All heavy atoms as atom14 arrays in JSON, in Angstrom:
{
  "sequence": "VEPDRLYVDHGDVATSAGAGAGIDLCLHLVRKDH",
  "atom14_mask": [
    [1, 1, 1, 1, 1, 1, 1, 0, 0, 0, 0, 0, 0, 0],
    [1, 1, 1, 1, 1, 1, 1, 1, 1, 0, 0, 0, 0, 0],
    [1, 1, 1, 1, 1, 1, 1, 0, 0, 0, 0, 0, 0, 0],
    [1, 1, 1, 1, 1, 1, 1, 1, 0, 0, 0, 0, 0, 0],
    [1, 1, 1, 1, 1, 1, 1, 1, 1, 1, 1, 0, 0, 0],
    [1, 1, 1, 1, 1, 1, 1, 1, 0, 0, 0, 0, 0, 0],
    [1, 1, 1, 1, 1, 1, 1, 1, 1, 1, 1, 1, 0, 0],
    [1, 1, 1, 1, 1, 1, 1, 0, 0, 0, 0, 0, 0, 0],
    [1, 1, 1, 1, 1, 1, 1, 1, 0, 0, 0, 0, 0, 0],
    [1, 1, 1, 1, 1, 1, 1, 1, 1, 1, 0, 0, 0, 0],
    [1, 1, 1, 1, 0, 0, 0, 0, 0, 0, 0, 0, 0, 0],
    [1, 1, 1, 1, 1, 1, 1, 1, 0, 0, 0, 0, 0, 0],
    [1, 1, 1, 1, 1, 1, 1, 0, 0, 0, 0, 0, 0, 0],
    [1, 1, 1, 1, 1, 0, 0, 0, 0, 0, 0, 0, 0, 0],
    [1, 1, 1, 1, 1, 1, 1, 0, 0, 0, 0, 0, 0, 0],
    [1, 1, 1, 1, 1, 1, 0, 0, 0, 0, 0, 0, 0, 0],
    [1, 1, 1, 1, 1, 0, 0, 0, 0, 0, 0, 0, 0, 0],
    [1, 1, 1, 1, 0, 0, 0, 0, 0, 0, 0, 0, 0, 0],
    [1, 1, 1, 1, 1, 0, 0, 0, 0, 0, 0, 0, 0, 0],
    [1, 1, 1, 1, 0, 0, 0, 0, 0, 0, 0, 0, 0, 0],
    [1, 1, 1, 1, 1, 0, 0, 0, 0, 0, 0, 0, 0, 0],
    [1, 1, 1, 1, 0, 0, 0, 0, 0, 0, 0, 0, 0, 0],
    [1, 1, 1, 1, 1, 1, 1, 1, 0, 0, 0, 0, 0, 0],
    [1, 1, 1, 1, 1, 1, 1, 1, 0, 0, 0, 0, 0, 0],
    [1, 1, 1, 1, 1, 1, 1, 1, 0, 0, 0, 0, 0, 0],
    [1, 1, 1, 1, 1, 1, 0, 0, 0, 0, 0, 0, 0, 0],
    [1, 1, 1, 1, 1, 1, 1, 1, 0, 0, 0, 0, 0, 0],
    [1, 1, 1, 1, 1, 1, 1, 1, 1, 1, 0, 0, 0, 0],
    [1, 1, 1, 1, 1, 1, 1, 1, 0, 0, 0, 0, 0, 0],
    [1, 1, 1, 1, 1, 1, 1, 0, 0, 0, 0, 0, 0, 0],
    [1, 1, 1, 1, 1, 1, 1, 1, 1, 1, 1, 0, 0, 0],
    [1, 1, 1, 1, 1, 1, 1, 1, 1, 0, 0, 0, 0, 0],
    [1, 1, 1, 1, 1, 1, 1, 1, 0, 0, 0, 0, 0, 0],
    [1, 1, 1, 1, 1, 1, 1, 1, 1, 1, 0, 0, 0, 0]
  ],
  "atom14_positions": [
    [[-4.89, 0.5, 14.99], [-5.34, 1.89, 14.89], [-4.15, 2.8, 14.6], [-3.15, 2.78, 15.33], [-6.05, 2.33, 16.19], [-6.55, 3.76, 16.05], [-7.2, 1.38, 16.5], [0.0, 0.0, 0.0], [0.0, 0.0, 0.0], [0.0, 0.0, 0.0], [0.0, 0.0, 0.0], [0.0, 0.0, 0.0], [0.0, 0.0, 0.0], [0.0, 0.0, 0.0]],
    [[-4.25, 3.6, 13.55], [-3.2, 4.54, 13.15], [-3.79, 5.94, 13.07], [-4.13, 6.42, 11.98], [-2.61, 4.11, 11.81], [-2.02, 2.7, 11.82], [-1.4, 2.31, 10.49], [-1.06, 3.23, 9.7], [-1.27, 1.12, 10.23], [0.0, 0.0, 0.0], [0.0, 0.0, 0.0], [0.0, 0.0, 0.0], [0.0, 0.0, 0.0], [0.0, 0.0, 0.0]],
    [[-3.92, 6.65, 14.21], [-4.67, 7.9, 14.23], [-3.97, 9.07, 13.54], [-4.61, 10.1, 13.31], [-4.83, 8.18, 15.73], [-3.66, 7.49, 16.35], [-3.43, 6.26, 15.52], [0.0, 0.0, 0.0], [0.0, 0.0, 0.0], [0.0, 0.0, 0.0], [0.0, 0.0, 0.0], [0.0, 0.0, 0.0], [0.0, 0.0, 0.0], [0.0, 0.0, 0.0]],
    [[-2.67, 8.93, 13.23], [-1.99, 10.04, 12.56], [-2.14, 9.99, 11.05], [-1.61, 10.84, 10.35], [-0.51, 10.08, 12.95], [0.21, 8.78, 12.64], [-0.47, 7.76, 12.47], [1.45, 8.8, 12.57], [0.0, 0.0, 0.0], [0.0, 0.0, 0.0], [0.0, 0.0, 0.0], [0.0, 0.0, 0.0], [0.0, 0.0, 0.0], [0.0, 0.0, 0.0]],
    [[-2.84, 9.01, 10.54], [-3.06, 8.93, 9.09], [-4.38, 9.58, 8.72], [-5.39, 9.4, 9.39], [-3.05, 7.47, 8.63], [-1.72, 6.77, 8.87], [-1.65, 5.44, 8.2], [-1.66, 5.55, 6.73], [-1.52, 4.51, 5.93], [-1.41, 3.3, 6.43], [-1.53, 4.68, 4.63], [0.0, 0.0, 0.0], [0.0, 0.0, 0.0], [0.0, 0.0, 0.0]],
    [[-4.37, 10.33, 7.63], [-5.6, 10.98, 7.17], [-6.63, 9.94, 6.76], [-7.81, 10.07, 7.06], [-5.3, 11.9, 5.99], [-4.54, 13.19, 6.29], [-4.28, 13.94, 5.0], [-5.3, 14.05, 7.27], [0.0, 0.0, 0.0], [0.0, 0.0, 0.0], [0.0, 0.0, 0.0], [0.0, 0.0, 0.0], [0.0, 0.0, 0.0], [0.0, 0.0, 0.0]],
    [[-6.16, 8.92, 6.05], [-7.08, 7.86, 5.65], [-6.28, 6.58, 5.41], [-5.07, 6.61, 5.17], [-7.88, 8.22, 4.39], [-7.06, 8.65, 3.2], [-6.46, 7.72, 2.35], [-6.91, 10.0, 2.88], [-5.72, 8.11, 1.26], [-6.16, 10.41, 1.79], [-5.57, 9.46, 0.98], [-4.82, 9.84, -0.11], [0.0, 0.0, 0.0], [0.0, 0.0, 0.0]],
    [[-6.98, 5.46, 5.5], [-6.41, 4.15, 5.21], [-7.36, 3.46, 4.24], [-8.54, 3.28, 4.55], [-6.24, 3.31, 6.48], [-5.73, 1.9, 6.12], [-5.28, 3.97, 7.46], [0.0, 0.0, 0.0], [0.0, 0.0, 0.0], [0.0, 0.0, 0.0], [0.0, 0.0, 0.0], [0.0, 0.0, 0.0], [0.0, 0.0, 0.0], [0.0, 0.0, 0.0]],
    [[-6.85, 3.07, 3.09], [-7.69, 2.46, 2.05], [-7.17, 1.06, 1.75], [-6.04, 0.89, 1.29], [-7.66, 3.32, 0.79], [-8.45, 2.71, -0.35], [-9.29, 1.82, -0.09], [-8.24, 3.12, -1.51], [0.0, 0.0, 0.0], [0.0, 0.0, 0.0], [0.0, 0.0, 0.0], [0.0, 0.0, 0.0], [0.0, 0.0, 0.0], [0.0, 0.0, 0.0]],
    [[-7.99, 0.05, 2.02], [-7.64, -1.33, 1.71], [-8.29, -1.8, 0.4], [-8.19, -2.97, 0.05], [-8.08, -2.26, 2.84], [-7.3, -2.07, 4.1], [-6.01, -2.5, 4.26], [-7.64, -1.48, 5.28], [-5.58, -2.2, 5.48], [-6.54, -1.57, 6.11], [0.0, 0.0, 0.0], [0.0, 0.0, 0.0], [0.0, 0.0, 0.0], [0.0, 0.0, 0.0]],
    [[-8.98, -0.92, -0.27], [-9.68, -1.3, -1.5], [-11.12, -1.66, -1.25], [-12.03, -1.04, -1.8], [0.0, 0.0, 0.0], [0.0, 0.0, 0.0], [0.0, 0.0, 0.0], [0.0, 0.0, 0.0], [0.0, 0.0, 0.0], [0.0, 0.0, 0.0], [0.0, 0.0, 0.0], [0.0, 0.0, 0.0], [0.0, 0.0, 0.0], [0.0, 0.0, 0.0]],
    [[-11.36, -2.65, -0.39], [-12.73, -3.04, -0.08], [-13.3, -2.26, 1.1], [-14.51, -2.1, 1.22], [-12.81, -4.53, 0.2], [-11.95, -4.95, 1.38], [-10.88, -4.35, 1.58], [-12.35, -5.86, 2.12], [0.0, 0.0, 0.0], [0.0, 0.0, 0.0], [0.0, 0.0, 0.0], [0.0, 0.0, 0.0], [0.0, 0.0, 0.0], [0.0, 0.0, 0.0]],
    [[-12.43, -1.79, 2.0], [-12.85, -0.95, 3.11], [-11.87, 0.21, 3.24], [-10.68, 0.06, 2.94], [-12.93, -1.73, 4.45], [-14.0, -2.79, 4.4], [-11.58, -2.34, 4.8], [0.0, 0.0, 0.0], [0.0, 0.0, 0.0], [0.0, 0.0, 0.0], [0.0, 0.0, 0.0], [0.0, 0.0, 0.0], [0.0, 0.0, 0.0], [0.0, 0.0, 0.0]],
    [[-12.37, 1.36, 3.68], [-11.52, 2.54, 3.83], [-12.04, 3.37, 5.0], [-13.25, 3.47, 5.21], [-11.5, 3.37, 2.55], [0.0, 0.0, 0.0], [0.0, 0.0, 0.0], [0.0, 0.0, 0.0], [0.0, 0.0, 0.0], [0.0, 0.0, 0.0], [0.0, 0.0, 0.0], [0.0, 0.0, 0.0], [0.0, 0.0, 0.0], [0.0, 0.0, 0.0]],
    [[-11.11, 3.97, 5.75], [-11.48, 4.77, 6.91], [-10.76, 6.11, 6.84], [-9.67, 6.21, 6.27], [-11.09, 4.06, 8.22], [-9.68, 3.74, 8.2], [-11.88, 2.76, 8.39], [0.0, 0.0, 0.0], [0.0, 0.0, 0.0], [0.0, 0.0, 0.0], [0.0, 0.0, 0.0], [0.0, 0.0, 0.0], [0.0, 0.0, 0.0], [0.0, 0.0, 0.0]],
    [[-11.37, 7.14, 7.43], [-10.74, 8.46, 7.48], [-10.68, 8.94, 8.92], [-11.5, 8.55, 9.76], [-11.51, 9.47, 6.62], [-12.83, 9.64, 7.1], [0.0, 0.0, 0.0], [0.0, 0.0, 0.0], [0.0, 0.0, 0.0], [0.0, 0.0, 0.0], [0.0, 0.0, 0.0], [0.0, 0.0, 0.0], [0.0, 0.0, 0.0], [0.0, 0.0, 0.0]],
    [[-9.7, 9.8, 9.19], [-9.4, 10.18, 10.58], [-10.47, 11.09, 11.18], [-10.9, 10.89, 12.31], [-8.04, 10.86, 10.64], [0.0, 0.0, 0.0], [0.0, 0.0, 0.0], [0.0, 0.0, 0.0], [0.0, 0.0, 0.0], [0.0, 0.0, 0.0], [0.0, 0.0, 0.0], [0.0, 0.0, 0.0], [0.0, 0.0, 0.0], [0.0, 0.0, 0.0]],
    [[-10.88, 12.09, 10.47], [-11.87, 13.03, 10.98], [-12.78, 13.46, 9.86], [-12.65, 13.01, 8.72], [0.0, 0.0, 0.0], [0.0, 0.0, 0.0], [0.0, 0.0, 0.0], [0.0, 0.0, 0.0], [0.0, 0.0, 0.0], [0.0, 0.0, 0.0], [0.0, 0.0, 0.0], [0.0, 0.0, 0.0], [0.0, 0.0, 0.0], [0.0, 0.0, 0.0]],
    [[-13.69, 14.38, 10.18], [-14.64, 14.8, 9.16], [-13.93, 15.44, 7.97], [-14.22, 15.13, 6.8], [-15.65, 15.76, 9.77], [0.0, 0.0, 0.0], [0.0, 0.0, 0.0], [0.0, 0.0, 0.0], [0.0, 0.0, 0.0], [0.0, 0.0, 0.0], [0.0, 0.0, 0.0], [0.0, 0.0, 0.0], [0.0, 0.0, 0.0], [0.0, 0.0, 0.0]],
    [[-12.98, 16.35, 8.25], [-12.25, 16.99, 7.16], [-11.44, 15.99, 6.35], [-11.34, 16.09, 5.12], [0.0, 0.0, 0.0], [0.0, 0.0, 0.0], [0.0, 0.0, 0.0], [0.0, 0.0, 0.0], [0.0, 0.0, 0.0], [0.0, 0.0, 0.0], [0.0, 0.0, 0.0], [0.0, 0.0, 0.0], [0.0, 0.0, 0.0], [0.0, 0.0, 0.0]],
    [[-10.84, 15.02, 7.05], [-10.08, 13.98, 6.35], [-10.98, 13.13, 5.47], [-10.5, 12.49, 4.53], [-9.35, 13.1, 7.36], [0.0, 0.0, 0.0], [0.0, 0.0, 0.0], [0.0, 0.0, 0.0], [0.0, 0.0, 0.0], [0.0, 0.0, 0.0], [0.0, 0.0, 0.0], [0.0, 0.0, 0.0], [0.0, 0.0, 0.0], [0.0, 0.0, 0.0]],
    [[-12.28, 13.12, 5.77], [-13.21, 12.39, 4.93], [-13.24, 12.94, 3.52], [-13.42, 12.2, 2.55], [0.0, 0.0, 0.0], [0.0, 0.0, 0.0], [0.0, 0.0, 0.0], [0.0, 0.0, 0.0], [0.0, 0.0, 0.0], [0.0, 0.0, 0.0], [0.0, 0.0, 0.0], [0.0, 0.0, 0.0], [0.0, 0.0, 0.0], [0.0, 0.0, 0.0]],
    [[-13.06, 14.25, 3.38], [-13.0, 14.84, 2.03], [-11.78, 14.32, 1.3], [-11.85, 13.96, 0.12], [-12.99, 16.37, 2.12], [-14.27, 16.89, 2.77], [-12.79, 16.99, 0.74], [-14.32, 18.39, 2.94], [0.0, 0.0, 0.0], [0.0, 0.0, 0.0], [0.0, 0.0, 0.0], [0.0, 0.0, 0.0], [0.0, 0.0, 0.0], [0.0, 0.0, 0.0]],
    [[-10.63, 14.27, 2.0], [-9.42, 13.75, 1.37], [-9.62, 12.31, 0.91], [-9.19, 11.93, -0.18], [-8.25, 13.81, 2.36], [-7.8, 15.24, 2.64], [-7.07, 15.8, 1.81], [-8.2, 15.77, 3.68], [0.0, 0.0, 0.0], [0.0, 0.0, 0.0], [0.0, 0.0, 0.0], [0.0, 0.0, 0.0], [0.0, 0.0, 0.0], [0.0, 0.0, 0.0]],
    [[-10.26, 11.51, 1.76], [-10.5, 10.11, 1.39], [-11.43, 10.02, 0.18], [-11.17, 9.26, -0.76], [-11.11, 9.35, 2.57], [-11.56, 7.92, 2.28], [-10.44, 7.08, 1.7], [-12.12, 7.27, 3.54], [0.0, 0.0, 0.0], [0.0, 0.0, 0.0], [0.0, 0.0, 0.0], [0.0, 0.0, 0.0], [0.0, 0.0, 0.0], [0.0, 0.0, 0.0]],
    [[-12.5, 10.8, 0.17], [-13.43, 10.75, -0.96], [-12.74, 11.16, -2.26], [-12.95, 10.53, -3.31], [-14.64, 11.64, -0.69], [-15.74, 11.03, 0.62], [0.0, 0.0, 0.0], [0.0, 0.0, 0.0], [0.0, 0.0, 0.0], [0.0, 0.0, 0.0], [0.0, 0.0, 0.0], [0.0, 0.0, 0.0], [0.0, 0.0, 0.0], [0.0, 0.0, 0.0]],
    [[-11.9, 12.18, -2.21], [-11.18, 12.6, -3.41], [-10.16, 11.54, -3.83], [-9.95, 11.32, -5.03], [-10.48, 13.94, -3.15], [-11.42, 15.15, -3.03], [-10.65, 16.37, -2.52], [-12.07, 15.47, -4.38], [0.0, 0.0, 0.0], [0.0, 0.0, 0.0], [0.0, 0.0, 0.0], [0.0, 0.0, 0.0], [0.0, 0.0, 0.0], [0.0, 0.0, 0.0]],
    [[-9.56, 10.89, -2.87], [-8.65, 9.78, -3.18], [-9.39, 8.67, -3.93], [-8.88, 8.11, -4.92], [-8.05, 9.25, -1.87], [-7.51, 7.86, -1.96], [-6.29, 7.55, -2.55], [-8.03, 6.67, -1.53], [-6.09, 6.25, -2.47], [-7.11, 5.69, -1.87], [0.0, 0.0, 0.0], [0.0, 0.0, 0.0], [0.0, 0.0, 0.0], [0.0, 0.0, 0.0]],
    [[-10.62, 8.37, -3.51], [-11.4, 7.33, -4.18], [-11.78, 7.76, -5.59], [-11.79, 6.94, -6.52], [-12.64, 7.01, -3.36], [-12.38, 6.41, -1.97], [-13.68, 6.24, -1.2], [-11.62, 5.09, -2.07], [0.0, 0.0, 0.0], [0.0, 0.0, 0.0], [0.0, 0.0, 0.0], [0.0, 0.0, 0.0], [0.0, 0.0, 0.0], [0.0, 0.0, 0.0]],
    [[-12.1, 9.04, -5.76], [-12.41, 9.55, -7.1], [-11.2, 9.38, -8.02], [-11.33, 8.98, -9.18], [-12.82, 11.03, -7.02], [-12.85, 11.66, -8.41], [-14.2, 11.16, -6.37], [0.0, 0.0, 0.0], [0.0, 0.0, 0.0], [0.0, 0.0, 0.0], [0.0, 0.0, 0.0], [0.0, 0.0, 0.0], [0.0, 0.0, 0.0], [0.0, 0.0, 0.0]],
    [[-10.03, 9.67, -7.49], [-8.82, 9.52, -8.32], [-8.62, 8.07, -8.73], [-8.26, 7.78, -9.87], [-7.6, 10.02, -7.56], [-6.34, 10.09, -8.43], [-5.14, 10.55, -7.62], [-4.09, 11.0, -8.52], [-3.23, 10.22, -9.15], [-3.32, 8.91, -8.99], [-2.31, 10.72, -9.94], [0.0, 0.0, 0.0], [0.0, 0.0, 0.0], [0.0, 0.0, 0.0]],
    [[-8.86, 7.15, -7.81], [-8.75, 5.73, -8.15], [-9.76, 5.34, -9.22], [-9.46, 4.55, -10.12], [-8.97, 4.88, -6.9], [-7.82, 4.85, -5.93], [-8.12, 3.97, -4.73], [-8.33, 2.52, -5.13], [-8.57, 1.65, -3.94], [0.0, 0.0, 0.0], [0.0, 0.0, 0.0], [0.0, 0.0, 0.0], [0.0, 0.0, 0.0], [0.0, 0.0, 0.0]],
    [[-10.97, 5.89, -9.11], [-12.04, 5.51, -10.03], [-11.87, 6.13, -11.4], [-12.11, 5.47, -12.42], [-13.4, 5.93, -9.46], [-13.79, 5.17, -8.21], [-13.21, 4.11, -7.95], [-14.69, 5.66, -7.49], [0.0, 0.0, 0.0], [0.0, 0.0, 0.0], [0.0, 0.0, 0.0], [0.0, 0.0, 0.0], [0.0, 0.0, 0.0], [0.0, 0.0, 0.0]],
    [[-11.48, 7.41, -11.46], [-11.57, 8.15, -12.71], [-10.33, 8.97, -13.05], [-10.37, 9.78, -13.97], [-12.8, 9.07, -12.68], [-14.09, 8.33, -12.53], [-14.61, 7.55, -13.54], [-14.94, 8.2, -11.49], [-15.74, 6.99, -13.12], [-15.95, 7.37, -11.89], [0.0, 0.0, 0.0], [0.0, 0.0, 0.0], [0.0, 0.0, 0.0], [0.0, 0.0, 0.0]]
  ]
}
């Protein structure tokens, strides 16, 4: 568990720290995709 990270992305699974950090994670995935 690394609670000071906004998100952790392993490619097949990804987690975000809080609700707001979920937006950062989703945008990170968009950048990877497109």
